[in-house]
Amino acid sequence: MKFLGFLLFVFIFLMAFWCLIFLASTVPYFIFVWLKEGKLENDQIPK
């Protein structure tokens, strides 16, 4: 039973670890795209 709890703990830990890596790699990219799109929209506004 201890071994099963250990496996569950390792699985949850690894899932959280990969989730952090995924967020750390995608969030800055989405922020960059959002800023780029915002600048494009500002440039396209007719004067």
C-alpha atoms as a PDB file:
ATOM      1  CA  MET A   1       0.000   0.000   0.000  1.00  0.00           C
ATOM      2  CA  LYS A   2       2.919   2.345   0.719  1.00  0.00           C
ATOM      3  CA  PHE A   3       4.328   1.586  -2.738  1.00  0.00           C
ATOM      4  CA  LEU A   4       0.994   2.495  -4.367  1.00  0.00           C
ATOM      5  CA  GLY A   5       0.945   5.820  -2.517  1.00  0.00           C
ATOM      6  CA  PHE A   6       4.528   6.463  -3.582  1.00  0.00           C
ATOM      7  CA  LEU A   7       3.670   5.792  -7.225  1.00  0.00           C
ATOM      8  CA  LEU A   8       0.682   8.123  -6.981  1.00  0.00           C
ATOM      9  CA  PHE A   9       2.872  10.826  -5.428  1.00  0.00           C
ATOM     10  CA  VAL A  10       5.528  10.464  -8.151  1.00  0.00           C
ATOM     11  CA  PHE A  11       2.855  10.570 -10.886  1.00  0.00           C
ATOM     12  CA  ILE A  12       1.262  13.751  -9.472  1.00  0.00           C
ATOM     13  CA  PHE A  13       4.701  15.342  -8.986  1.00  0.00           C
ATOM     14  CA  LEU A  14       5.730  14.602 -12.575  1.00  0.00           C
ATOM     15  CA  MET A  15       2.436  15.894 -13.956  1.00  0.00           C
ATOM     16  CA  ALA A  16       2.833  19.154 -12.000  1.00  0.00           C
ATOM     17  CA  PHE A  17       6.465  19.406 -13.165  1.00  0.00           C
ATOM     18  CA  TRP A  18       5.539  19.013 -16.838  1.00  0.00           C
ATOM     19  CA  CYS A  19       2.625  21.438 -16.378  1.00  0.00           C
ATOM     20  CA  LEU A  20       5.038  24.069 -15.025  1.00  0.00           C
ATOM     21  CA  ILE A  21       7.423  23.525 -17.958  1.00  0.00           C
ATOM     22  CA  PHE A  22       4.506  23.788 -20.416  1.00  0.00           C
ATOM     23  CA  LEU A  23       3.254  27.031 -18.854  1.00  0.00           C
ATOM     24  CA  ALA A  24       6.750  28.512 -18.674  1.00  0.00           C
ATOM     25  CA  SER A  25       7.277  27.795 -22.380  1.00  0.00           C
ATOM     26  CA  THR A  26       3.879  28.835 -23.776  1.00  0.00           C
ATOM     27  CA  VAL A  27       2.796  31.821 -21.654  1.00  0.00           C
ATOM     28  CA  PRO A  28       5.664  34.136 -22.786  1.00  0.00           C
ATOM     29  CA  TYR A  29       4.960  33.109 -26.392  1.00  0.00           C
ATOM     30  CA  PHE A  30       1.259  33.987 -26.059  1.00  0.00           C
ATOM     31  CA  ILE A  31       2.183  37.312 -24.430  1.00  0.00           C
ATOM     32  CA  PHE A  32       4.583  38.017 -27.327  1.00  0.00           C
ATOM     33  CA  VAL A  33       1.914  37.188 -29.920  1.00  0.00           C
ATOM     34  CA  TRP A  34      -0.658  39.290 -28.030  1.00  0.00           C
ATOM     35  CA  LEU A  35       1.696  42.302 -27.953  1.00  0.00           C
ATOM     36  CA  LYS A  36       2.572  41.817 -31.620  1.00  0.00           C
ATOM     37  CA  GLU A  37      -1.096  41.612 -32.637  1.00  0.00           C
ATOM     38  CA  GLY A  38      -1.924  44.675 -30.553  1.00  0.00           C
ATOM     39  CA  LYS A  39       0.830  46.677 -32.227  1.00  0.00           C
ATOM     40  CA  LEU A  40      -0.387  45.554 -35.645  1.00  0.00           C
ATOM     41  CA  GLU A  41      -3.931  46.670 -34.805  1.00  0.00           C
ATOM     42  CA  ASN A  42      -2.624  50.058 -33.654  1.00  0.00           C
ATOM     43  CA  ASP A  43      -0.646  50.452 -36.897  1.00  0.00           C
ATOM     44  CA  GLN A  44      -3.667  49.575 -39.030  1.00  0.00           C
ATOM     45  CA  ILE A  45      -5.878  52.286 -37.508  1.00  0.00           C
ATOM     46  CA  PRO A  46      -6.525  54.860 -40.279  1.00  0.00           C
ATOM     47  CA  LYS A  47      -5.548  58.422 -39.448  1.00  0.00           C
END
